[in-house]
Every structure is written in structure tokens, then in C-alpha cells.
Amino acid sequence: MFIDDSSPDGTADLIGQLVKSDRGVNLLSRDEKKGLGQAYRAAFRHVQEIGKWKRVFMMDADLSHQPSHIKRIDEALDQYHFVIGSRYLKGVSVLNWSIMRLNMSYAANKYIRFITRLPYTDCTSGFRGFHADVIPALLSSGIKASGYAFLVETLYGVWKEGIEIGEVPIVFVERKMGASKVSSGIFIESLFTPIRLLFRGIGSNLSS
């Protein structure tokens, strides 16, 4: 299933042609760009409504997440209910990033782990697999983030639910064309989401 938020690069047109020739390909088109989190929530609801898949995998469609790693994540799902494809499980496995971007990503993960106490090496990875029965936790009304912080917030929610989470190493390869679109709003949301999660956890502990 490809999710397209009215991308101006013609993505939906190309996928539409694939849909006609391959019934295994699905296209979920949305009228406007509302952020990564909203796109994934729409996809999760769609998968849940169809109800025919036992395992779900999420990844970027620009091949920075390599399809060859899906098998490794799938095998790990025999043991866990939720699996992260980690760039930092065995050192640093990222190709073609600048030192500045790599340092920012690595520091962001250390910041997230420090604030939230999440025990995983790559809390911001978007390459994940999970059993379909995890979807209700991913659609929790308590999840507010719409940008990349959505990845952190859903991981935190799954972790707090006590769902078994594993990590497997992947190699992340920077896209050859295009550029990531990170606005100041997304950056601010990413900065404050771990703090919000910390206070949510404190509130939950106090109420229990």
C-alpha cells in the first residue's frame, strides 16, 4: 500500500498504473498533505478495516529503507510483536549522510532515550514491522504528533502497553533524488514530544 498526499511529482499516477496490472498493489490517496503521522494513521485504519493481514510492515518508499531487510524483520516477528529496523544497533549503519545530519540523528535518539527512558537504539526509525493486533495501540487517541515525532510517540505507546518489542540491524541508504521536508514546526514538535511523553508517563504512574 502506497500512501500519497497529493505529491506534485506524479507518484500517484505511477502507482495507479501498477494498481491496474497488479492486484497486490494498493494506493491510498489523500487530498492534502497533513503530515507523516496522519498519513500513517489513515493507513493503519484502512488495514484494520480490511482485516486480512496478520503482519504489517511500514517503510519509506524512496528505497532508503531497503526491501531486502523485510525478511529479517519478518523473522524477528516470530519472537516479538513489534520490531524496529535499527540504524544504530551495531554501530552506525547509514550511508551517504553528512556528518552533521548523522550527528543530529544520533543525538536526537540519545535525547529521546534520556527523556522517555525508551530502551531502544533507534527510536526514530520508520522501518518497522508488527502484528496486526498492535494497530489499536498505534491508533490510540493519546497519540497527538503529526510529523516525524509520530514515530517516537507510537513506539512509546506500544512500549507502555507492554507489547514485546525487538530490534534488528538495517543499513539505511540516503535517497538519490529529492530531499527531506522538515519544517520548523516539525522540528519543534520533535523537540517537545519526548517531554510531553515524560509528563504523560508521570501522570499515568500517579493515577495508578
C-alpha atoms as a PDB file:
ATOM      1  CA  MET A   1       0.000   0.000   0.000  1.00  0.00           C
ATOM      2  CA  PHE A   2       1.416   3.345  -1.087  1.00  0.00           C
ATOM      3  CA  ILE A   3       0.231   6.494   0.670  1.00  0.00           C
ATOM      4  CA  ASP A   4       0.264   9.665  -1.422  1.00  0.00           C
ATOM      5  CA  ASP A   5      -0.693  13.101  -0.098  1.00  0.00           C
ATOM      6  CA  SER A   6      -1.208  14.804  -3.476  1.00  0.00           C
ATOM      7  CA  SER A   7       2.504  14.719  -4.237  1.00  0.00           C
ATOM      8  CA  PRO A   8       3.378  17.031  -7.151  1.00  0.00           C
ATOM      9  CA  ASP A   9       5.982  14.601  -8.528  1.00  0.00           C
ATOM     10  CA  GLY A  10       3.418  12.283 -10.151  1.00  0.00           C
ATOM     11  CA  THR A  11       3.812   9.441  -7.656  1.00  0.00           C
ATOM     12  CA  ALA A  12       0.084   8.666  -7.578  1.00  0.00           C
ATOM     13  CA  ASP A  13      -0.083   8.404 -11.389  1.00  0.00           C
ATOM     14  CA  LEU A  14       2.755   5.872 -11.489  1.00  0.00           C
ATOM     15  CA  ILE A  15       1.326   3.774  -8.653  1.00  0.00           C
ATOM     16  CA  GLY A  16      -2.099   3.972 -10.288  1.00  0.00           C
ATOM     17  CA  GLN A  17      -0.664   2.191 -13.321  1.00  0.00           C
ATOM     18  CA  LEU A  18       0.770  -0.539 -11.075  1.00  0.00           C
ATOM     19  CA  VAL A  19      -2.592  -0.986  -9.380  1.00  0.00           C
ATOM     20  CA  LYS A  20      -4.181  -1.770 -12.753  1.00  0.00           C
ATOM     21  CA  SER A  21      -1.682  -4.523 -13.520  1.00  0.00           C
ATOM     22  CA  ASP A  22      -1.046  -5.960 -10.025  1.00  0.00           C
ATOM     23  CA  ARG A  23      -3.905  -6.610  -7.601  1.00  0.00           C
ATOM     24  CA  GLY A  24      -1.375  -6.859  -4.766  1.00  0.00           C
ATOM     25  CA  VAL A  25      -0.622  -3.125  -5.038  1.00  0.00           C
ATOM     26  CA  ASN A  26      -2.854  -0.609  -3.272  1.00  0.00           C
ATOM     27  CA  LEU A  27      -2.886   3.190  -3.401  1.00  0.00           C
ATOM     28  CA  LEU A  28      -4.260   5.341  -0.600  1.00  0.00           C
ATOM     29  CA  SER A  29      -4.584   8.883  -1.965  1.00  0.00           C
ATOM     30  CA  ARG A  30      -5.321  11.877   0.258  1.00  0.00           C
ATOM     31  CA  ASP A  31      -6.399  15.326  -0.887  1.00  0.00           C
ATOM     32  CA  GLU A  32      -3.782  17.294   1.013  1.00  0.00           C
ATOM     33  CA  LYS A  33      -0.571  16.899   2.920  1.00  0.00           C
ATOM     34  CA  LYS A  34      -1.349  16.619   6.638  1.00  0.00           C
ATOM     35  CA  GLY A  35       1.893  15.140   7.900  1.00  0.00           C
ATOM     36  CA  LEU A  36       3.516  11.750   8.277  1.00  0.00           C
ATOM     37  CA  GLY A  37       1.542  10.852  11.385  1.00  0.00           C
ATOM     38  CA  GLN A  38      -1.853  11.488   9.812  1.00  0.00           C
ATOM     39  CA  ALA A  39      -0.866   9.535   6.699  1.00  0.00           C
ATOM     40  CA  TYR A  40       0.144   6.514   8.752  1.00  0.00           C
ATOM     41  CA  ARG A  41      -2.977   6.715  10.918  1.00  0.00           C
ATOM     42  CA  ALA A  42      -5.105   6.665   7.773  1.00  0.00           C
ATOM     43  CA  ALA A  43      -3.187   3.634   6.512  1.00  0.00           C
ATOM     44  CA  PHE A  44      -3.480   1.801   9.841  1.00  0.00           C
ATOM     45  CA  ARG A  45      -7.252   2.376   9.897  1.00  0.00           C
ATOM     46  CA  HIS A  46      -7.508   1.111   6.305  1.00  0.00           C
ATOM     47  CA  VAL A  47      -5.522  -2.039   7.121  1.00  0.00           C
ATOM     48  CA  GLN A  48      -7.629  -2.623  10.215  1.00  0.00           C
ATOM     49  CA  GLU A  49     -10.879  -2.238   8.262  1.00  0.00           C
ATOM     50  CA  ILE A  50      -9.789  -4.702   5.570  1.00  0.00           C
ATOM     51  CA  GLY A  51      -8.644  -7.125   8.260  1.00  0.00           C
ATOM     52  CA  LYS A  52      -6.924  -9.685   6.042  1.00  0.00           C
ATOM     53  CA  TRP A  53      -3.261  -9.149   7.024  1.00  0.00           C
ATOM     54  CA  LYS A  54      -1.623 -10.712  10.080  1.00  0.00           C
ATOM     55  CA  ARG A  55       1.630  -8.760   9.805  1.00  0.00           C
ATOM     56  CA  VAL A  56       2.204  -5.187   8.695  1.00  0.00           C
ATOM     57  CA  PHE A  57       5.442  -3.522   7.576  1.00  0.00           C
ATOM     58  CA  MET A  58       5.983   0.223   7.285  1.00  0.00           C
ATOM     59  CA  MET A  59       8.812   1.852   5.350  1.00  0.00           C
ATOM     60  CA  ASP A  60       9.774   4.838   3.230  1.00  0.00           C
ATOM     61  CA  ALA A  61       9.075   4.376  -0.485  1.00  0.00           C
ATOM     62  CA  ASP A  62      12.280   6.063  -1.701  1.00  0.00           C
ATOM     63  CA  LEU A  63      14.380   2.896  -1.137  1.00  0.00           C
ATOM     64  CA  SER A  64      16.326   4.432   1.732  1.00  0.00           C
ATOM     65  CA  HIS A  65      14.706   1.527   3.578  1.00  0.00           C
ATOM     66  CA  GLN A  66      15.871  -1.476   1.601  1.00  0.00           C
ATOM     67  CA  PRO A  67      13.244  -4.164   0.848  1.00  0.00           C
ATOM     68  CA  SER A  68      15.888  -6.861   1.403  1.00  0.00           C
ATOM     69  CA  HIS A  69      15.648  -6.180   5.163  1.00  0.00           C
ATOM     70  CA  ILE A  70      11.946  -7.060   5.321  1.00  0.00           C
ATOM     71  CA  LYS A  71      12.796 -10.763   5.642  1.00  0.00           C
ATOM     72  CA  ARG A  72      14.933 -10.076   8.725  1.00  0.00           C
ATOM     73  CA  ILE A  73      12.163  -8.033  10.352  1.00  0.00           C
ATOM     74  CA  ASP A  74       9.607 -10.713   9.451  1.00  0.00           C
ATOM     75  CA  GLU A  75      11.720 -13.423  11.075  1.00  0.00           C
ATOM     76  CA  ALA A  76      12.041 -11.321  14.229  1.00  0.00           C
ATOM     77  CA  LEU A  77       8.234 -11.097  14.378  1.00  0.00           C
ATOM     78  CA  ASP A  78       8.205 -14.810  15.187  1.00  0.00           C
ATOM     79  CA  GLN A  79       9.587 -13.741  18.565  1.00  0.00           C
ATOM     80  CA  TYR A  80       8.290 -10.187  19.036  1.00  0.00           C
ATOM     81  CA  HIS A  81       5.018  -8.362  18.362  1.00  0.00           C
ATOM     82  CA  PHE A  82       6.723  -5.160  17.192  1.00  0.00           C
ATOM     83  CA  VAL A  83      10.130  -4.881  15.506  1.00  0.00           C
ATOM     84  CA  ILE A  84      12.278  -1.841  14.738  1.00  0.00           C
ATOM     85  CA  GLY A  85      14.724  -1.794  11.842  1.00  0.00           C
ATOM     86  CA  SER A  86      17.604  -0.035  13.602  1.00  0.00           C
ATOM     87  CA  ARG A  87      20.377   2.045  12.068  1.00  0.00           C
ATOM     88  CA  TYR A  88      22.308   2.082  15.353  1.00  0.00           C
ATOM     89  CA  LEU A  89      22.035  -1.426  16.777  1.00  0.00           C
ATOM     90  CA  LYS A  90      25.502  -2.408  15.585  1.00  0.00           C
ATOM     91  CA  GLY A  91      27.427   0.844  15.490  1.00  0.00           C
ATOM     92  CA  VAL A  92      26.205   3.233  12.789  1.00  0.00           C
ATOM     93  CA  SER A  93      24.729   1.759   9.597  1.00  0.00           C
ATOM     94  CA  VAL A  94      23.929   4.823   7.480  1.00  0.00           C
ATOM     95  CA  LEU A  95      25.273   5.554   4.006  1.00  0.00           C
ATOM     96  CA  ASN A  96      25.620   8.917   2.235  1.00  0.00           C
ATOM     97  CA  TRP A  97      24.649  11.207   5.109  1.00  0.00           C
ATOM     98  CA  SER A  98      26.667  14.278   6.006  1.00  0.00           C
ATOM     99  CA  ILE A  99      28.454  14.226   9.360  1.00  0.00           C
ATOM    100  CA  MET A 100      26.123  16.988  10.582  1.00  0.00           C
ATOM    101  CA  ARG A 101      22.953  15.077   9.733  1.00  0.00           C
ATOM    102  CA  LEU A 102      24.324  11.860  11.206  1.00  0.00           C
ATOM    103  CA  ASN A 103      25.296  13.615  14.430  1.00  0.00           C
ATOM    104  CA  MET A 104      21.855  15.238  14.653  1.00  0.00           C
ATOM    105  CA  SER A 105      20.071  11.907  14.227  1.00  0.00           C
ATOM    106  CA  TYR A 106      22.315  10.133  16.727  1.00  0.00           C
ATOM    107  CA  ALA A 107      21.985  12.963  19.261  1.00  0.00           C
ATOM    108  CA  ALA A 108      18.194  13.040  18.787  1.00  0.00           C
ATOM    109  CA  ASN A 109      17.979   9.376  19.702  1.00  0.00           C
ATOM    110  CA  LYS A 110      20.118   9.883  22.793  1.00  0.00           C
ATOM    111  CA  TYR A 111      17.891  12.819  23.806  1.00  0.00           C
ATOM    112  CA  ILE A 112      14.724  10.753  23.303  1.00  0.00           C
ATOM    113  CA  ARG A 113      16.095   7.825  25.316  1.00  0.00           C
ATOM    114  CA  PHE A 114      17.242  10.120  28.118  1.00  0.00           C
ATOM    115  CA  ILE A 115      13.871  11.871  28.446  1.00  0.00           C
ATOM    116  CA  THR A 116      11.493   8.943  27.883  1.00  0.00           C
ATOM    117  CA  ARG A 117      13.654   6.018  29.098  1.00  0.00           C
ATOM    118  CA  LEU A 118      12.862   4.117  25.924  1.00  0.00           C
ATOM    119  CA  PRO A 119      15.474   1.312  25.832  1.00  0.00           C
ATOM    120  CA  TYR A 120      15.912   1.137  22.039  1.00  0.00           C
ATOM    121  CA  THR A 121      18.806   2.287  19.879  1.00  0.00           C
ATOM    122  CA  ASP A 122      16.731   3.803  17.058  1.00  0.00           C
ATOM    123  CA  CYS A 123      13.532   5.429  18.329  1.00  0.00           C
ATOM    124  CA  THR A 124      13.104   7.490  15.147  1.00  0.00           C
ATOM    125  CA  SER A 125      13.351   4.692  12.594  1.00  0.00           C
ATOM    126  CA  GLY A 126      10.376   4.498  10.246  1.00  0.00           C
ATOM    127  CA  PHE A 127      11.242   0.952   9.125  1.00  0.00           C
ATOM    128  CA  ARG A 128       9.077  -1.257  11.339  1.00  0.00           C
ATOM    129  CA  GLY A 129       7.051  -4.440  11.351  1.00  0.00           C
ATOM    130  CA  PHE A 130       4.314  -5.514  13.719  1.00  0.00           C
ATOM    131  CA  HIS A 131       1.459  -7.941  14.218  1.00  0.00           C
ATOM    132  CA  ALA A 132      -1.902  -6.563  13.108  1.00  0.00           C
ATOM    133  CA  ASP A 133      -3.283  -6.800  16.648  1.00  0.00           C
ATOM    134  CA  VAL A 134      -0.892  -3.971  17.610  1.00  0.00           C
ATOM    135  CA  ILE A 135      -2.813  -1.488  15.424  1.00  0.00           C
ATOM    136  CA  PRO A 136      -5.253  -0.379  18.180  1.00  0.00           C
ATOM    137  CA  ALA A 137      -2.265   0.802  20.242  1.00  0.00           C
ATOM    138  CA  LEU A 138      -0.942   2.700  17.218  1.00  0.00           C
ATOM    139  CA  LEU A 139      -4.313   4.403  16.778  1.00  0.00           C
ATOM    140  CA  SER A 140      -4.586   5.445  20.421  1.00  0.00           C
ATOM    141  CA  SER A 141      -6.362   8.771  20.920  1.00  0.00           C
ATOM    142  CA  GLY A 142      -3.461   9.790  23.150  1.00  0.00           C
ATOM    143  CA  ILE A 143      -1.139   9.990  20.130  1.00  0.00           C
ATOM    144  CA  LYS A 144      -1.022  13.637  19.014  1.00  0.00           C
ATOM    145  CA  ALA A 145       2.095  14.115  16.852  1.00  0.00           C
ATOM    146  CA  SER A 146       1.650  14.648  13.124  1.00  0.00           C
ATOM    147  CA  GLY A 147       5.267  14.905  11.949  1.00  0.00           C
ATOM    148  CA  TYR A 148       8.245  12.608  12.485  1.00  0.00           C
ATOM    149  CA  ALA A 149       7.607  12.707  16.248  1.00  0.00           C
ATOM    150  CA  PHE A 150       4.723  10.349  15.442  1.00  0.00           C
ATOM    151  CA  LEU A 151       7.318   7.570  15.191  1.00  0.00           C
ATOM    152  CA  VAL A 152       8.560   8.277  18.711  1.00  0.00           C
ATOM    153  CA  GLU A 153       5.084   8.636  20.160  1.00  0.00           C
ATOM    154  CA  THR A 154       3.775   5.373  18.695  1.00  0.00           C
ATOM    155  CA  LEU A 155       6.867   3.487  19.876  1.00  0.00           C
ATOM    156  CA  TYR A 156       6.401   4.933  23.354  1.00  0.00           C
ATOM    157  CA  GLY A 157       2.724   3.952  23.349  1.00  0.00           C
ATOM    158  CA  VAL A 158       3.478   0.371  22.299  1.00  0.00           C
ATOM    159  CA  TRP A 159       6.235   0.125  24.918  1.00  0.00           C
ATOM    160  CA  LYS A 160       3.937   1.424  27.667  1.00  0.00           C
ATOM    161  CA  GLU A 161       1.314  -1.149  26.639  1.00  0.00           C
ATOM    162  CA  GLY A 162       3.832  -3.861  27.482  1.00  0.00           C
ATOM    163  CA  ILE A 163       3.982  -5.149  23.912  1.00  0.00           C
ATOM    164  CA  GLU A 164       7.132  -7.151  23.176  1.00  0.00           C
ATOM    165  CA  ILE A 165       9.491  -5.029  21.057  1.00  0.00           C
ATOM    166  CA  GLY A 166      12.657  -6.141  19.295  1.00  0.00           C
ATOM    167  CA  GLU A 167      15.304  -4.519  17.096  1.00  0.00           C
ATOM    168  CA  VAL A 168      17.163  -5.847  14.084  1.00  0.00           C
ATOM    169  CA  PRO A 169      20.046  -4.126  12.277  1.00  0.00           C
ATOM    170  CA  ILE A 170      19.454  -2.488   8.902  1.00  0.00           C
ATOM    171  CA  VAL A 171      21.573  -0.385   6.569  1.00  0.00           C
ATOM    172  CA  PHE A 172      19.942   2.967   5.763  1.00  0.00           C
ATOM    173  CA  VAL A 173      20.877   4.421   2.358  1.00  0.00           C
ATOM    174  CA  GLU A 174      20.143   8.080   1.657  1.00  0.00           C
ATOM    175  CA  ARG A 175      17.781   8.663  -1.269  1.00  0.00           C
ATOM    176  CA  LYS A 176      19.345   9.500  -4.628  1.00  0.00           C
ATOM    177  CA  MET A 177      16.731  12.072  -5.623  1.00  0.00           C
ATOM    178  CA  GLY A 178      14.656  14.627  -3.710  1.00  0.00           C
ATOM    179  CA  ALA A 179      15.141  15.972  -0.224  1.00  0.00           C
ATOM    180  CA  SER A 180      13.582  15.548   3.202  1.00  0.00           C
ATOM    181  CA  LYS A 181      10.993  18.215   4.044  1.00  0.00           C
ATOM    182  CA  VAL A 182      11.432  19.171   7.705  1.00  0.00           C
ATOM    183  CA  SER A 183       9.738  22.438   8.653  1.00  0.00           C
ATOM    184  CA  SER A 184      10.375  24.461  11.806  1.00  0.00           C
ATOM    185  CA  GLY A 185       7.014  23.247  13.132  1.00  0.00           C
ATOM    186  CA  ILE A 186       8.021  19.609  12.706  1.00  0.00           C
ATOM    187  CA  PHE A 187      11.365  20.314  14.404  1.00  0.00           C
ATOM    188  CA  ILE A 188       9.669  21.979  17.391  1.00  0.00           C
ATOM    189  CA  GLU A 189       7.145  19.139  17.669  1.00  0.00           C
ATOM    190  CA  SER A 190      10.003  16.623  17.631  1.00  0.00           C
ATOM    191  CA  LEU A 191      11.802  18.567  20.362  1.00  0.00           C
ATOM    192  CA  PHE A 192       8.858  18.781  22.747  1.00  0.00           C
ATOM    193  CA  THR A 193       7.157  15.420  22.144  1.00  0.00           C
ATOM    194  CA  PRO A 194       9.580  13.459  24.394  1.00  0.00           C
ATOM    195  CA  ILE A 195       8.931  15.952  27.201  1.00  0.00           C
ATOM    196  CA  ARG A 196       5.177  15.575  26.731  1.00  0.00           C
ATOM    197  CA  LEU A 197       5.573  11.806  26.851  1.00  0.00           C
ATOM    198  CA  LEU A 198       7.580  12.102  30.049  1.00  0.00           C
ATOM    199  CA  PHE A 199       4.773  14.014  31.755  1.00  0.00           C
ATOM    200  CA  ARG A 200       2.196  11.589  30.367  1.00  0.00           C
ATOM    201  CA  GLY A 201       4.144   8.751  31.958  1.00  0.00           C
ATOM    202  CA  ILE A 202       4.409  10.597  35.271  1.00  0.00           C
ATOM    203  CA  GLY A 203       0.673  11.302  35.227  1.00  0.00           C
ATOM    204  CA  SER A 204      -0.092   7.661  34.463  1.00  0.00           C
ATOM    205  CA  ASN A 205       2.081   6.497  37.361  1.00  0.00           C
ATOM    206  CA  LEU A 206       0.407   8.927  39.762  1.00  0.00           C
ATOM    207  CA  SER A 207      -3.094   7.855  38.748  1.00  0.00           C
ATOM    208  CA  SER A 208      -2.235   4.182  39.213  1.00  0.00           C
END
